[in-house]
Amino acid sequence: MQSAPMDTSRILLEAIALKKCVEATYNRMVMTLAPHILYTRHGELYVDAVALEREGKPPREIKLGTFKLAGLQLKGILSRTFAAEPVFNPKDEKYDGVTLFAVETN
């Protein structure tokens, strides 16, 4: 099994801390993501993020998606900032004991 490059984790940690969007490719689709939480599941790294754009178009609805870091190709951090979305619940059971870093919610 291939692990995600350290650069990807570092970029996501920075983006979460600063509440900045990232540009990424996942399943050959270019997206602008608002990363909310970095966590592990079955020894693999995952990020839950809101896709603000897919192929340059906004989504029909705001929802939190799960992205496996091994399949995520980050192009970098954007200057665009985001606010924590109400759909994100850092106390969700799936994050219990496996959270590495999460966006601050107010």
N, C-alpha and C. Protein backbone atom coordinates (compact mmCIF):
# COMPACT_ATOMS: atom_id res chain seq x y z
N MET A 1 0.82 -1.18 0.00
CA MET A 1 0.00 0.00 0.00
C MET A 1 0.87 1.25 0.00
N GLN A 2 0.56 2.19 -0.82
CA GLN A 2 1.34 3.42 -0.94
C GLN A 2 0.79 4.47 0.01
N SER A 3 1.71 5.11 0.77
CA SER A 3 1.25 6.16 1.67
C SER A 3 1.32 7.51 0.97
N ALA A 4 0.55 8.46 1.47
CA ALA A 4 0.52 9.80 0.88
C ALA A 4 1.85 10.50 1.15
N PRO A 5 2.33 11.28 0.20
CA PRO A 5 3.57 12.01 0.42
C PRO A 5 3.44 12.99 1.59
N MET A 6 4.55 13.19 2.29
CA MET A 6 4.57 14.08 3.43
C MET A 6 4.16 15.49 3.02
N ASP A 7 4.51 15.92 1.82
CA ASP A 7 4.14 17.25 1.34
C ASP A 7 2.63 17.45 1.37
N THR A 8 1.89 16.46 0.97
CA THR A 8 0.43 16.55 0.94
C THR A 8 -0.11 16.80 2.35
N SER A 9 0.38 16.04 3.32
CA SER A 9 -0.06 16.22 4.70
C SER A 9 0.29 17.61 5.21
N ARG A 10 1.52 18.06 4.93
CA ARG A 10 1.97 19.37 5.40
C ARG A 10 1.12 20.49 4.80
N ILE A 11 0.85 20.40 3.51
CA ILE A 11 0.04 21.41 2.82
C ILE A 11 -1.36 21.44 3.42
N LEU A 12 -1.95 20.27 3.66
CA LEU A 12 -3.29 20.23 4.22
C LEU A 12 -3.34 20.76 5.65
N LEU A 13 -2.33 20.44 6.45
CA LEU A 13 -2.28 20.98 7.82
C LEU A 13 -2.23 22.50 7.80
N GLU A 14 -1.42 23.05 6.91
CA GLU A 14 -1.31 24.51 6.79
C GLU A 14 -2.64 25.11 6.31
N ALA A 15 -3.26 24.48 5.32
CA ALA A 15 -4.52 24.99 4.77
C ALA A 15 -5.62 24.96 5.83
N ILE A 16 -5.68 23.89 6.63
CA ILE A 16 -6.69 23.79 7.68
C ILE A 16 -6.45 24.86 8.74
N ALA A 17 -5.20 25.03 9.15
CA ALA A 17 -4.87 26.02 10.19
C ALA A 17 -5.22 27.44 9.75
N LEU A 18 -4.97 27.75 8.48
CA LEU A 18 -5.20 29.10 7.96
C LEU A 18 -6.58 29.28 7.34
N LYS A 19 -7.38 28.19 7.29
CA LYS A 19 -8.69 28.19 6.63
C LYS A 19 -8.56 28.70 5.19
N LYS A 20 -7.61 28.08 4.48
CA LYS A 20 -7.40 28.42 3.07
C LYS A 20 -7.76 27.22 2.21
N CYS A 21 -8.27 27.51 1.03
CA CYS A 21 -8.64 26.46 0.08
C CYS A 21 -7.39 25.89 -0.59
N VAL A 22 -7.54 24.70 -1.12
CA VAL A 22 -6.47 24.08 -1.90
C VAL A 22 -7.03 23.69 -3.26
N GLU A 23 -6.15 23.68 -4.24
CA GLU A 23 -6.52 23.16 -5.56
C GLU A 23 -5.96 21.76 -5.64
N ALA A 24 -6.81 20.83 -6.05
CA ALA A 24 -6.41 19.43 -6.07
C ALA A 24 -7.05 18.69 -7.24
N THR A 25 -6.45 17.56 -7.55
CA THR A 25 -7.03 16.64 -8.53
C THR A 25 -7.33 15.35 -7.79
N TYR A 26 -8.56 14.86 -7.95
CA TYR A 26 -9.00 13.61 -7.33
C TYR A 26 -9.84 12.88 -8.36
N ASN A 27 -9.49 11.64 -8.64
CA ASN A 27 -10.17 10.87 -9.69
C ASN A 27 -10.20 11.66 -11.01
N ARG A 28 -9.10 12.25 -11.35
CA ARG A 28 -8.89 13.02 -12.60
C ARG A 28 -9.79 14.25 -12.71
N MET A 29 -10.36 14.70 -11.59
CA MET A 29 -11.21 15.88 -11.59
C MET A 29 -10.51 16.99 -10.80
N VAL A 30 -10.40 18.17 -11.42
CA VAL A 30 -9.78 19.31 -10.75
C VAL A 30 -10.82 19.97 -9.84
N MET A 31 -10.43 20.20 -8.58
CA MET A 31 -11.36 20.74 -7.60
C MET A 31 -10.70 21.82 -6.75
N THR A 32 -11.55 22.70 -6.23
CA THR A 32 -11.14 23.62 -5.17
C THR A 32 -11.79 23.09 -3.91
N LEU A 33 -10.95 22.73 -2.94
CA LEU A 33 -11.44 22.13 -1.71
C LEU A 33 -11.20 23.04 -0.51
N ALA A 34 -12.14 23.00 0.43
CA ALA A 34 -12.00 23.66 1.73
C ALA A 34 -11.79 22.53 2.74
N PRO A 35 -10.52 22.21 3.06
CA PRO A 35 -10.26 21.08 3.96
C PRO A 35 -10.64 21.40 5.40
N HIS A 36 -11.40 20.50 6.03
CA HIS A 36 -11.89 20.75 7.39
C HIS A 36 -11.21 19.88 8.44
N ILE A 37 -10.81 18.65 8.07
CA ILE A 37 -10.22 17.75 9.07
C ILE A 37 -9.32 16.72 8.41
N LEU A 38 -8.19 16.45 9.06
CA LEU A 38 -7.25 15.42 8.62
C LEU A 38 -7.29 14.33 9.68
N TYR A 39 -7.48 13.08 9.25
CA TYR A 39 -7.60 11.98 10.22
C TYR A 39 -7.14 10.67 9.59
N THR A 40 -7.07 9.64 10.42
CA THR A 40 -6.66 8.33 9.93
C THR A 40 -7.83 7.35 10.02
N ARG A 41 -7.80 6.38 9.12
CA ARG A 41 -8.78 5.29 9.15
C ARG A 41 -8.07 4.07 8.57
N HIS A 42 -8.02 3.00 9.33
CA HIS A 42 -7.35 1.76 8.90
C HIS A 42 -5.91 2.02 8.47
N GLY A 43 -5.23 2.91 9.19
CA GLY A 43 -3.82 3.18 8.92
C GLY A 43 -3.56 4.09 7.73
N GLU A 44 -4.60 4.61 7.11
CA GLU A 44 -4.46 5.50 5.95
C GLU A 44 -4.89 6.90 6.34
N LEU A 45 -4.33 7.91 5.66
CA LEU A 45 -4.70 9.30 5.91
C LEU A 45 -5.87 9.71 5.02
N TYR A 46 -6.80 10.46 5.62
CA TYR A 46 -7.97 10.98 4.90
C TYR A 46 -8.16 12.44 5.26
N VAL A 47 -8.78 13.17 4.36
CA VAL A 47 -9.21 14.54 4.65
C VAL A 47 -10.69 14.64 4.28
N ASP A 48 -11.45 15.26 5.16
CA ASP A 48 -12.84 15.58 4.84
C ASP A 48 -12.85 17.05 4.46
N ALA A 49 -13.42 17.34 3.31
CA ALA A 49 -13.39 18.70 2.77
C ALA A 49 -14.67 18.99 2.01
N VAL A 50 -14.96 20.27 1.89
CA VAL A 50 -16.10 20.72 1.08
C VAL A 50 -15.54 21.09 -0.29
N ALA A 51 -16.11 20.50 -1.33
CA ALA A 51 -15.72 20.84 -2.70
C ALA A 51 -16.45 22.12 -3.09
N LEU A 52 -15.71 23.21 -3.21
CA LEU A 52 -16.31 24.50 -3.57
C LEU A 52 -16.45 24.65 -5.08
N GLU A 53 -15.60 23.93 -5.81
CA GLU A 53 -15.68 23.90 -7.29
C GLU A 53 -15.21 22.55 -7.78
N ARG A 54 -15.87 22.05 -8.81
CA ARG A 54 -15.45 20.84 -9.53
C ARG A 54 -15.39 21.22 -10.99
N GLU A 55 -14.21 21.11 -11.56
CA GLU A 55 -14.00 21.49 -12.96
C GLU A 55 -14.47 22.92 -13.20
N GLY A 56 -14.25 23.82 -12.22
CA GLY A 56 -14.57 25.23 -12.37
C GLY A 56 -16.02 25.61 -12.08
N LYS A 57 -16.85 24.62 -11.70
CA LYS A 57 -18.27 24.91 -11.44
C LYS A 57 -18.60 24.65 -9.98
N PRO A 58 -19.45 25.51 -9.39
CA PRO A 58 -19.85 25.29 -7.99
C PRO A 58 -20.75 24.06 -7.89
N PRO A 59 -20.74 23.40 -6.73
CA PRO A 59 -21.60 22.21 -6.56
C PRO A 59 -23.06 22.61 -6.40
N ARG A 60 -23.95 21.66 -6.62
CA ARG A 60 -25.38 21.93 -6.43
C ARG A 60 -25.72 22.10 -4.96
N GLU A 61 -25.00 21.37 -4.09
CA GLU A 61 -25.23 21.49 -2.66
C GLU A 61 -23.90 21.43 -1.92
N ILE A 62 -23.86 22.07 -0.76
CA ILE A 62 -22.66 22.06 0.08
C ILE A 62 -22.68 20.78 0.90
N LYS A 63 -21.67 19.96 0.73
CA LYS A 63 -21.57 18.75 1.53
C LYS A 63 -20.11 18.42 1.78
N LEU A 64 -19.88 17.67 2.82
CA LEU A 64 -18.55 17.27 3.22
C LEU A 64 -18.20 15.97 2.52
N GLY A 65 -17.10 15.97 1.78
CA GLY A 65 -16.66 14.76 1.10
C GLY A 65 -15.42 14.19 1.77
N THR A 66 -15.21 12.89 1.62
CA THR A 66 -14.04 12.21 2.18
C THR A 66 -13.08 11.88 1.05
N PHE A 67 -11.83 12.28 1.23
CA PHE A 67 -10.81 12.08 0.21
C PHE A 67 -9.61 11.35 0.83
N LYS A 68 -9.22 10.24 0.22
CA LYS A 68 -8.06 9.49 0.66
C LYS A 68 -6.82 10.22 0.15
N LEU A 69 -5.88 10.53 1.04
CA LEU A 69 -4.71 11.31 0.64
C LEU A 69 -3.87 10.63 -0.44
N ALA A 70 -3.84 9.29 -0.41
CA ALA A 70 -3.06 8.57 -1.41
C ALA A 70 -3.54 8.85 -2.84
N GLY A 71 -4.82 9.22 -3.00
CA GLY A 71 -5.37 9.49 -4.32
C GLY A 71 -5.53 10.96 -4.64
N LEU A 72 -5.09 11.82 -3.72
CA LEU A 72 -5.26 13.27 -3.87
C LEU A 72 -3.95 13.89 -4.35
N GLN A 73 -4.02 14.61 -5.45
CA GLN A 73 -2.84 15.33 -5.96
C GLN A 73 -3.07 16.81 -5.72
N LEU A 74 -2.33 17.37 -4.78
CA LEU A 74 -2.48 18.79 -4.45
C LEU A 74 -1.61 19.64 -5.36
N LYS A 75 -2.20 20.72 -5.86
CA LYS A 75 -1.44 21.67 -6.67
C LYS A 75 -0.94 22.81 -5.79
N GLY A 76 -1.58 23.01 -4.62
CA GLY A 76 -1.12 24.02 -3.69
C GLY A 76 -2.25 24.73 -2.97
N ILE A 77 -1.84 25.62 -2.07
CA ILE A 77 -2.78 26.41 -1.28
C ILE A 77 -3.15 27.66 -2.08
N LEU A 78 -4.43 27.99 -2.06
CA LEU A 78 -4.93 29.18 -2.75
C LEU A 78 -5.06 30.34 -1.77
N SER A 79 -5.18 31.54 -2.27
CA SER A 79 -5.37 32.70 -1.39
C SER A 79 -6.82 32.77 -0.89
N ARG A 80 -7.71 32.03 -1.52
CA ARG A 80 -9.14 32.01 -1.14
C ARG A 80 -9.31 31.37 0.24
N THR A 81 -9.99 32.08 1.13
CA THR A 81 -10.24 31.55 2.47
C THR A 81 -11.66 30.98 2.55
N PHE A 82 -11.92 30.25 3.61
CA PHE A 82 -13.26 29.69 3.82
C PHE A 82 -13.61 29.75 5.30
N ALA A 83 -14.89 29.66 5.58
CA ALA A 83 -15.38 29.55 6.95
C ALA A 83 -15.80 28.09 7.16
N ALA A 84 -15.65 27.61 8.38
CA ALA A 84 -16.07 26.24 8.68
C ALA A 84 -17.55 26.08 8.35
N GLU A 85 -17.85 25.07 7.59
CA GLU A 85 -19.24 24.83 7.17
C GLU A 85 -20.04 24.17 8.29
N PRO A 86 -21.31 24.55 8.42
CA PRO A 86 -22.18 23.92 9.43
C PRO A 86 -22.33 22.41 9.24
N VAL A 87 -22.10 21.90 8.02
CA VAL A 87 -22.22 20.46 7.79
C VAL A 87 -21.09 19.68 8.45
N PHE A 88 -20.05 20.38 8.90
CA PHE A 88 -18.91 19.74 9.55
C PHE A 88 -19.11 19.67 11.05
N ASN A 89 -19.04 18.47 11.61
CA ASN A 89 -19.16 18.26 13.04
C ASN A 89 -17.89 17.58 13.54
N PRO A 90 -16.96 18.35 14.15
CA PRO A 90 -15.70 17.76 14.61
C PRO A 90 -15.89 16.70 15.70
N LYS A 91 -17.07 16.67 16.31
CA LYS A 91 -17.34 15.68 17.37
C LYS A 91 -18.02 14.42 16.82
N ASP A 92 -18.11 14.32 15.49
CA ASP A 92 -18.69 13.14 14.87
C ASP A 92 -17.93 11.90 15.33
N GLU A 93 -18.66 10.83 15.56
CA GLU A 93 -18.10 9.57 16.05
C GLU A 93 -16.96 9.05 15.17
N LYS A 94 -17.02 9.27 13.87
CA LYS A 94 -16.00 8.73 12.95
C LYS A 94 -14.62 9.37 13.18
N TYR A 95 -14.59 10.54 13.83
CA TYR A 95 -13.32 11.22 14.10
C TYR A 95 -12.76 10.91 15.48
N ASP A 96 -13.52 10.20 16.30
CA ASP A 96 -13.14 9.95 17.69
C ASP A 96 -11.84 9.15 17.78
N GLY A 97 -10.82 9.80 18.34
CA GLY A 97 -9.54 9.14 18.57
C GLY A 97 -8.63 9.04 17.36
N VAL A 98 -9.06 9.54 16.20
CA VAL A 98 -8.23 9.42 14.99
C VAL A 98 -7.92 10.78 14.33
N THR A 99 -8.42 11.86 14.92
CA THR A 99 -8.21 13.19 14.36
C THR A 99 -6.76 13.63 14.55
N LEU A 100 -6.15 14.10 13.46
CA LEU A 100 -4.80 14.65 13.52
C LEU A 100 -4.87 16.16 13.65
N PHE A 101 -5.79 16.78 12.91
CA PHE A 101 -5.94 18.23 12.96
C PHE A 101 -7.27 18.60 12.34
N ALA A 102 -7.95 19.58 12.94
CA ALA A 102 -9.25 20.00 12.43
C ALA A 102 -9.36 21.52 12.45
N VAL A 103 -10.19 22.03 11.56
CA VAL A 103 -10.44 23.47 11.49
C VAL A 103 -11.18 23.89 12.76
N GLU A 104 -10.89 25.10 13.22
CA GLU A 104 -11.59 25.62 14.40
C GLU A 104 -13.01 26.03 13.99
N THR A 105 -13.96 25.59 14.80
CA THR A 105 -15.36 25.97 14.55
C THR A 105 -15.79 26.88 15.69
N ASN A 106 -16.62 27.84 15.36
CA ASN A 106 -17.10 28.79 16.38
C ASN A 106 -18.60 28.74 16.49
